[in-house]
Amino acid sequence: MNCFKKDSLTSLMAKATEIRDVNWGREVTYSRKVFIPLTNMCRDTCGYCTFVKHPDSPEANILTPDQVIKIVKSGERKGCKEALLSLGEKPELRYEKAKDMLMMLGYDSMIDYLSDICSLILKNSSLLPHVNPGTMSENDIKKLKPVSASMGMMLETISKRLNQKNGPHYACPDKVPIQRIRTLERAGKYNVPFTTGLLIGIGETWEERLEALYLIDEIHQKYGNIQEVIIQNFQPKPDIKMSNHKTLNIEEILRTISVARIILSPEISLQAPPNLHSEHLSYLDAGINDWGGISPLTIDFINPEMEWPEINFLSKRMSVKGYILKERLTVYPKYVDEKKNFLSSEIRTQISKMETRIAC
């Protein structure tokens, strides 16, 4: 495996930019989203997570249907087109309190509740649901596919070491690499437009990052359903186990982004969050073609201290560097146009209404 360590950062960025320009041009996209934290309870306790709350915490909650629709309607008024539904993984399987809270809403599982919430959003708004429920069984995917335009789950890493005691994934059953790999395979098997990616800087080695990227590309070569890959850098926070963990420097982030563009199939969209580093504009010269979701309304609940860039301001700064910011839907055109059972008829109908709202 070429480790790319002998290549200069300048040469890697130039090669990545060339690949991006040939296949995506100088238009860099984003999805105008509203972030809906359906529940902040989770059976995993990752060392870098500030999103998750223990059921005993007064902050622990599951949003009600009315609360969800209120957020959706506010997002619709702000021009949002994606309803990003993020939630902790299967809290009802670990905590009795979480199970009781869910049962009060009339459900036995978060996946069942998520499915009905997606249906509610489709019936009561023009937004397209994108779901991030974590690891999924085949039945989970079957339930969610008819009511979601796309799904996502970060692979994060393929490192088993990080599941050992004192590691960031210790005692996290859903962060065992094989479980996440199986979810990627299942999403491919059922033709789900899927988002995945790496969380870098949590203790993985350079070689493990490369192995994860090659694995993602291998799955895409088999199924053709990986629509985008995110390279997300870890950000320490005061209220997490890894609060003193060293952050990656910008050169390491740029090297990883560039190599991701070189390794991954050119048709896979490559994105990096614009709110997790002050020098995010340099990502443009490392081969990204997408910023991911940006919300004009809701905070980034995963990194609440990191504000989204203001969309018009980001556009102006990009234009100085010769790039154009363009809005997209949560599902990429390839998966809308192709007649390969990627989307349900209900989602196609919603998209036909939505496309008229995309800004020119």
Protein backbone atom coordinates (compact mmCIF):
# COMPACT_ATOMS: atom_id res chain seq x y z
CA MET A 1 0.00 0.00 0.00
CA ASN A 2 1.44 3.35 -1.02
CA CYS A 3 1.35 5.29 2.25
CA PHE A 4 1.62 8.68 0.45
CA LYS A 5 3.92 9.88 3.24
CA LYS A 6 6.80 10.34 0.83
CA ASP A 7 4.74 12.62 -1.39
CA SER A 8 4.85 16.32 -0.64
CA LEU A 9 1.63 17.92 0.55
CA THR A 10 1.83 20.34 -2.37
CA SER A 11 1.94 17.53 -4.93
CA LEU A 12 -0.89 15.61 -3.26
CA MET A 13 -3.11 18.69 -3.15
CA ALA A 14 -2.37 19.44 -6.79
CA LYS A 15 -3.26 15.91 -7.86
CA ALA A 16 -6.45 15.91 -5.76
CA THR A 17 -7.50 19.28 -7.16
CA GLU A 18 -6.95 18.04 -10.69
CA ILE A 19 -9.18 15.01 -10.07
CA ARG A 20 -11.86 17.22 -8.55
CA ASP A 21 -11.74 19.78 -11.36
CA VAL A 22 -12.03 17.12 -14.08
CA ASN A 23 -14.93 15.31 -12.42
CA TRP A 24 -16.78 18.02 -10.48
CA GLY A 25 -15.57 21.34 -11.82
CA ARG A 26 -15.15 24.43 -9.64
CA GLU A 27 -18.69 24.37 -8.29
CA VAL A 28 -18.67 23.32 -4.63
CA THR A 29 -22.02 22.30 -3.24
CA TYR A 30 -23.81 22.27 0.10
CA SER A 31 -27.17 21.10 1.42
CA ARG A 32 -29.32 23.68 3.17
CA LYS A 33 -30.49 21.67 6.17
CA VAL A 34 -32.28 21.78 9.46
CA PHE A 35 -30.66 19.62 12.17
CA ILE A 36 -33.13 17.54 14.18
CA PRO A 37 -31.62 15.72 17.21
CA LEU A 38 -34.38 13.12 17.56
CA THR A 39 -32.83 11.73 20.74
CA ASN A 40 -29.59 12.50 22.55
CA MET A 41 -29.54 9.20 24.42
CA CYS A 42 -27.31 6.38 23.19
CA ARG A 43 -26.09 3.00 24.35
CA ASP A 44 -22.54 3.93 23.29
CA THR A 45 -20.31 6.21 25.37
CA CYS A 46 -17.63 7.42 22.96
CA GLY A 47 -14.78 9.34 24.53
CA TYR A 48 -15.12 12.28 22.12
CA CYS A 49 -18.92 12.75 22.23
CA THR A 50 -20.70 15.68 23.84
CA PHE A 51 -24.02 15.03 22.09
CA VAL A 52 -25.05 12.03 24.20
CA LYS A 53 -26.77 12.46 27.56
CA HIS A 54 -27.34 9.74 30.13
CA PRO A 55 -31.07 9.05 30.68
CA ASP A 56 -30.70 10.34 34.26
CA SER A 57 -29.61 13.74 32.96
CA PRO A 58 -32.29 16.46 32.88
CA GLU A 59 -31.08 17.21 29.34
CA ALA A 60 -31.85 13.69 28.06
CA ASN A 61 -34.84 13.65 25.75
CA ILE A 62 -36.67 12.27 22.76
CA LEU A 63 -38.30 14.92 20.59
CA THR A 64 -42.06 14.58 20.21
CA PRO A 65 -43.72 14.67 16.76
CA ASP A 66 -44.97 18.19 17.47
CA GLN A 67 -41.47 19.36 18.37
CA VAL A 68 -40.06 17.84 15.20
CA ILE A 69 -42.65 19.46 12.95
CA LYS A 70 -42.09 22.82 14.64
CA ILE A 71 -38.39 22.62 13.75
CA VAL A 72 -39.19 21.41 10.23
CA LYS A 73 -41.61 24.27 9.58
CA SER A 74 -39.09 26.82 10.87
CA GLY A 75 -36.48 25.30 8.56
CA GLU A 76 -38.87 25.38 5.63
CA ARG A 77 -39.39 29.11 6.17
CA LYS A 78 -35.59 29.55 6.08
CA GLY A 79 -35.38 27.77 2.74
CA CYS A 80 -34.07 24.48 4.10
CA LYS A 81 -34.61 21.39 1.98
CA GLU A 82 -32.98 18.67 4.07
CA ALA A 83 -34.26 17.39 7.39
CA LEU A 84 -31.20 15.81 9.00
CA LEU A 85 -32.36 13.38 11.67
CA SER A 86 -29.52 12.42 14.00
CA LEU A 87 -29.94 10.22 17.04
CA GLY A 88 -28.05 8.16 19.54
CA GLU A 89 -27.83 4.46 18.81
CA LYS A 90 -30.41 2.14 20.33
CA PRO A 91 -30.63 3.65 23.84
CA GLU A 92 -33.71 1.53 24.56
CA LEU A 93 -31.55 -1.61 24.49
CA ARG A 94 -29.37 -0.39 27.36
CA TYR A 95 -31.44 1.96 29.51
CA GLU A 96 -34.84 1.25 31.05
CA LYS A 97 -35.58 4.96 31.26
CA ALA A 98 -34.96 5.41 27.55
CA LYS A 99 -37.20 2.43 26.82
CA ASP A 100 -39.96 3.91 29.00
CA MET A 101 -39.69 7.32 27.32
CA LEU A 102 -39.99 5.67 23.94
CA MET A 103 -42.95 3.56 25.03
CA MET A 104 -44.75 6.70 26.20
CA LEU A 105 -44.64 7.79 22.56
CA GLY A 106 -46.08 4.43 21.55
CA TYR A 107 -42.95 2.71 20.21
CA ASP A 108 -40.70 -0.22 21.07
CA SER A 109 -37.67 0.89 19.04
CA MET A 110 -36.07 4.15 17.93
CA ILE A 111 -35.94 2.89 14.34
CA ASP A 112 -39.73 2.44 14.27
CA TYR A 113 -40.18 5.92 15.72
CA LEU A 114 -37.68 7.39 13.26
CA SER A 115 -39.53 5.78 10.35
CA ASP A 116 -42.84 7.32 11.39
CA ILE A 117 -41.21 10.70 12.00
CA CYS A 118 -39.86 10.62 8.43
CA SER A 119 -43.35 9.86 7.13
CA LEU A 120 -44.69 12.77 9.17
CA ILE A 121 -42.11 15.13 7.68
CA LEU A 122 -42.98 14.01 4.15
CA LYS A 123 -46.68 14.53 4.74
CA ASN A 124 -46.37 17.90 6.46
CA SER A 125 -43.55 19.63 4.62
CA SER A 126 -41.54 19.78 1.42
CA LEU A 127 -38.31 18.69 3.14
CA LEU A 128 -36.39 15.52 2.36
CA PRO A 129 -35.41 13.33 5.33
CA HIS A 130 -31.80 12.24 5.66
CA VAL A 131 -31.34 9.78 8.53
CA ASN A 132 -28.27 9.08 10.67
CA PRO A 133 -29.36 6.27 13.01
CA GLY A 134 -25.97 4.56 13.23
CA THR A 135 -25.58 0.83 12.65
CA MET A 136 -28.59 -0.78 10.98
CA SER A 137 -29.90 -4.27 10.40
CA GLU A 138 -31.44 -5.29 7.08
CA ASN A 139 -34.91 -4.80 8.59
CA ASP A 140 -33.94 -1.31 9.79
CA ILE A 141 -32.89 -0.33 6.28
CA LYS A 142 -36.05 -1.79 4.77
CA LYS A 143 -38.17 0.31 7.16
CA LEU A 144 -36.31 3.53 6.52
CA LYS A 145 -35.70 3.38 2.77
CA PRO A 146 -39.30 4.18 1.68
CA VAL A 147 -39.35 7.36 3.80
CA SER A 148 -35.79 8.70 3.51
CA ALA A 149 -34.02 10.28 0.57
CA SER A 150 -30.62 9.20 1.85
CA MET A 151 -29.01 7.63 4.87
CA GLY A 152 -25.69 8.04 6.60
CA MET A 153 -23.33 6.53 9.13
CA MET A 154 -19.72 7.46 9.64
CA LEU A 155 -17.43 4.48 9.41
CA GLU A 156 -15.06 6.64 11.50
CA THR A 157 -12.23 4.10 11.61
CA ILE A 158 -11.41 0.45 11.02
CA SER A 159 -9.07 0.37 14.05
CA LYS A 160 -9.98 -2.35 16.55
CA ARG A 161 -7.40 -0.88 18.94
CA LEU A 162 -9.71 2.02 19.68
CA ASN A 163 -12.23 -0.39 21.22
CA GLN A 164 -9.75 -1.46 23.89
CA LYS A 165 -9.90 -0.17 27.46
CA ASN A 166 -9.14 3.57 27.68
CA GLY A 167 -9.75 3.88 23.93
CA PRO A 168 -12.40 6.26 22.55
CA HIS A 169 -14.65 3.35 21.52
CA TYR A 170 -14.27 1.25 24.67
CA ALA A 171 -17.52 -0.54 25.63
CA CYS A 172 -19.27 0.88 22.55
CA PRO A 173 -20.96 -2.08 20.82
CA ASP A 174 -21.94 -0.03 17.77
CA LYS A 175 -18.39 1.23 17.21
CA VAL A 176 -16.87 -2.20 16.66
CA PRO A 177 -15.57 -1.78 13.09
CA ILE A 178 -17.15 -4.96 11.72
CA GLN A 179 -20.62 -3.79 12.78
CA ARG A 180 -20.24 -0.55 10.87
CA ILE A 181 -18.77 -2.30 7.84
CA ARG A 182 -21.77 -4.65 7.81
CA THR A 183 -24.10 -1.62 7.79
CA LEU A 184 -22.27 -0.19 4.77
CA GLU A 185 -22.64 -3.53 2.99
CA ARG A 186 -26.35 -3.76 3.83
CA ALA A 187 -26.98 -0.23 2.57
CA GLY A 188 -25.29 -1.22 -0.68
CA LYS A 189 -27.30 -4.41 -0.97
CA TYR A 190 -30.56 -2.43 -0.70
CA ASN A 191 -29.51 0.40 -3.04
CA VAL A 192 -29.51 3.15 -0.44
CA PRO A 193 -27.82 6.46 -1.40
CA PHE A 194 -25.36 6.57 1.47
CA THR A 195 -23.03 8.97 3.24
CA THR A 196 -20.09 7.73 5.25
CA GLY A 197 -16.65 8.97 6.21
CA LEU A 198 -13.73 9.11 8.61
CA LEU A 199 -13.39 10.81 11.97
CA ILE A 200 -9.71 11.64 12.04
CA GLY A 201 -7.50 12.47 14.99
CA ILE A 202 -9.05 10.12 17.58
CA GLY A 203 -6.04 7.83 17.84
CA GLU A 204 -5.99 6.03 14.51
CA THR A 205 -2.78 5.64 12.53
CA TRP A 206 -2.17 7.03 9.06
CA GLU A 207 -2.19 3.52 7.63
CA GLU A 208 -5.56 2.82 9.28
CA ARG A 209 -7.02 5.91 7.62
CA LEU A 210 -5.86 4.67 4.24
CA GLU A 211 -7.22 1.19 4.89
CA ALA A 212 -10.61 2.67 5.77
CA LEU A 213 -10.67 4.73 2.57
CA TYR A 214 -9.76 1.73 0.43
CA LEU A 215 -12.50 -0.27 2.16
CA ILE A 216 -15.13 2.38 1.47
CA ASP A 217 -14.13 2.53 -2.16
CA GLU A 218 -14.23 -1.27 -2.43
CA ILE A 219 -17.81 -1.29 -1.14
CA HIS A 220 -18.74 1.44 -3.62
CA GLN A 221 -17.18 -0.50 -6.47
CA LYS A 222 -19.39 -3.43 -5.51
CA TYR A 223 -22.70 -1.59 -5.03
CA GLY A 224 -22.32 1.94 -6.44
CA ASN A 225 -24.28 3.55 -3.61
CA ILE A 226 -21.72 5.61 -1.67
CA GLN A 227 -22.74 9.09 -2.73
CA GLU A 228 -20.39 11.03 -0.48
CA VAL A 229 -17.51 10.61 1.95
CA ILE A 230 -16.81 13.03 4.79
CA ILE A 231 -13.38 13.73 6.23
CA GLN A 232 -14.17 15.12 9.67
CA ASN A 233 -11.50 16.26 12.11
CA PHE A 234 -11.93 15.62 15.84
CA GLN A 235 -12.46 18.71 17.97
CA PRO A 236 -11.80 18.51 21.74
CA LYS A 237 -14.40 19.87 24.15
CA PRO A 238 -14.21 20.53 27.90
CA ASP A 239 -16.96 18.07 28.87
CA ILE A 240 -15.62 14.91 27.19
CA LYS A 241 -13.17 12.17 28.17
CA MET A 242 -10.81 13.27 25.41
CA SER A 243 -10.81 16.93 26.40
CA ASN A 244 -6.99 17.00 26.50
CA HIS A 245 -6.48 14.94 23.34
CA LYS A 246 -4.20 16.64 20.84
CA THR A 247 -5.86 18.01 17.70
CA LEU A 248 -4.58 17.51 14.17
CA ASN A 249 -2.73 20.35 12.51
CA ILE A 250 -4.07 21.74 9.26
CA GLU A 251 -1.36 20.04 7.20
CA GLU A 252 -2.44 16.60 8.43
CA ILE A 253 -6.09 17.38 7.65
CA LEU A 254 -5.21 18.60 4.16
CA ARG A 255 -3.06 15.53 3.51
CA THR A 256 -5.92 13.24 4.52
CA ILE A 257 -8.46 15.10 2.37
CA SER A 258 -6.13 15.06 -0.63
CA VAL A 259 -5.38 11.35 -0.33
CA ALA A 260 -9.09 10.61 0.09
CA ARG A 261 -9.75 12.34 -3.23
CA ILE A 262 -6.96 10.32 -4.87
CA ILE A 263 -8.05 6.96 -3.43
CA LEU A 264 -11.83 7.23 -3.78
CA SER A 265 -13.68 6.78 -7.04
CA PRO A 266 -13.95 10.21 -8.71
CA GLU A 267 -17.77 9.90 -8.77
CA ILE A 268 -17.91 9.85 -4.96
CA SER A 269 -18.48 13.34 -3.61
CA LEU A 270 -15.82 14.42 -1.10
CA GLN A 271 -16.76 16.77 1.69
CA ALA A 272 -15.28 18.28 4.82
CA PRO A 273 -17.22 20.33 7.40
CA PRO A 274 -16.60 24.08 7.11
CA ASN A 275 -17.24 24.78 10.81
CA LEU A 276 -14.55 22.58 12.38
CA HIS A 277 -11.43 24.52 11.40
CA SER A 278 -10.75 28.21 10.89
CA GLU A 279 -8.72 27.43 7.74
CA HIS A 280 -11.50 25.48 6.04
CA LEU A 281 -11.13 27.43 2.79
CA SER A 282 -7.86 25.60 2.22
CA TYR A 283 -9.91 22.40 1.85
CA LEU A 284 -10.93 23.70 -1.57
CA ASP A 285 -7.34 23.32 -2.74
CA ALA A 286 -7.17 19.77 -1.36
CA GLY A 287 -9.91 18.42 -3.62
CA ILE A 288 -13.25 18.75 -1.83
CA ASN A 289 -16.34 19.42 -3.95
CA ASP A 290 -18.87 19.71 -1.13
CA TRP A 291 -19.26 21.29 2.30
CA GLY A 292 -22.01 18.95 3.51
CA GLY A 293 -25.03 20.29 5.32
CA ILE A 294 -25.11 23.89 6.52
CA SER A 295 -28.01 25.16 8.56
CA PRO A 296 -29.27 28.76 8.64
CA LEU A 297 -31.40 27.84 11.66
CA THR A 298 -30.10 25.09 13.95
CA ILE A 299 -26.71 24.59 15.58
CA ASP A 300 -24.38 21.67 14.94
CA PHE A 301 -25.55 19.52 17.83
CA ILE A 302 -22.53 17.23 17.46
CA ASN A 303 -20.11 20.17 17.76
CA PRO A 304 -22.32 22.82 19.39
CA GLU A 305 -19.47 25.22 20.06
CA MET A 306 -18.58 25.41 16.36
CA GLU A 307 -20.82 27.80 14.42
CA TRP A 308 -21.86 27.20 10.82
CA PRO A 309 -20.44 29.76 8.39
CA GLU A 310 -22.99 32.23 7.08
CA ILE A 311 -23.85 30.97 3.61
CA ASN A 312 -23.57 34.25 1.68
CA PHE A 313 -20.28 35.09 3.39
CA LEU A 314 -18.89 31.66 2.56
CA SER A 315 -19.93 32.13 -1.06
CA LYS A 316 -18.12 35.47 -1.29
CA ARG A 317 -14.92 34.08 0.22
CA MET A 318 -15.03 31.13 -2.18
CA SER A 319 -15.48 33.36 -5.22
CA VAL A 320 -12.23 35.15 -4.41
CA LYS A 321 -10.48 31.78 -4.79
CA GLY A 322 -12.29 31.02 -8.03
CA TYR A 323 -14.97 28.69 -6.71
CA ILE A 324 -18.75 28.86 -6.95
CA LEU A 325 -21.04 27.81 -4.09
CA LYS A 326 -24.12 25.90 -5.26
CA GLU A 327 -27.01 24.39 -3.36
CA ARG A 328 -27.93 20.72 -3.78
CA LEU A 329 -30.44 18.25 -2.38
CA THR A 330 -29.51 15.68 0.26
CA VAL A 331 -29.56 12.98 -2.43
CA TYR A 332 -27.25 13.49 -5.40
CA PRO A 333 -28.66 13.75 -8.96
CA LYS A 334 -27.18 10.42 -10.02
CA TYR A 335 -29.47 8.59 -7.63
CA VAL A 336 -32.51 10.57 -8.67
CA ASP A 337 -32.07 10.12 -12.41
CA GLU A 338 -31.12 6.47 -12.50
CA LYS A 339 -33.96 3.96 -12.53
CA LYS A 340 -32.24 1.47 -10.27
CA ASN A 341 -34.55 1.43 -7.26
CA PHE A 342 -32.43 3.86 -5.24
CA LEU A 343 -35.46 5.89 -4.19
CA SER A 344 -39.07 5.14 -3.31
CA SER A 345 -41.94 6.63 -5.30
CA GLU A 346 -42.84 8.77 -2.29
CA ILE A 347 -39.36 10.27 -2.16
CA ARG A 348 -39.34 10.83 -5.94
CA THR A 349 -42.62 12.71 -5.65
CA GLN A 350 -41.17 14.87 -2.86
CA ILE A 351 -38.08 15.58 -4.94
CA SER A 352 -40.13 16.68 -7.94
CA LYS A 353 -41.75 19.30 -5.71
CA MET A 354 -38.46 20.21 -4.09
CA GLU A 355 -36.44 20.78 -7.23
CA THR A 356 -38.47 23.87 -8.05
CA ARG A 357 -37.24 25.41 -4.76
CA ILE A 358 -33.52 24.99 -5.41
CA ALA A 359 -31.91 28.37 -5.81
CA CYS A 360 -30.45 29.14 -9.21
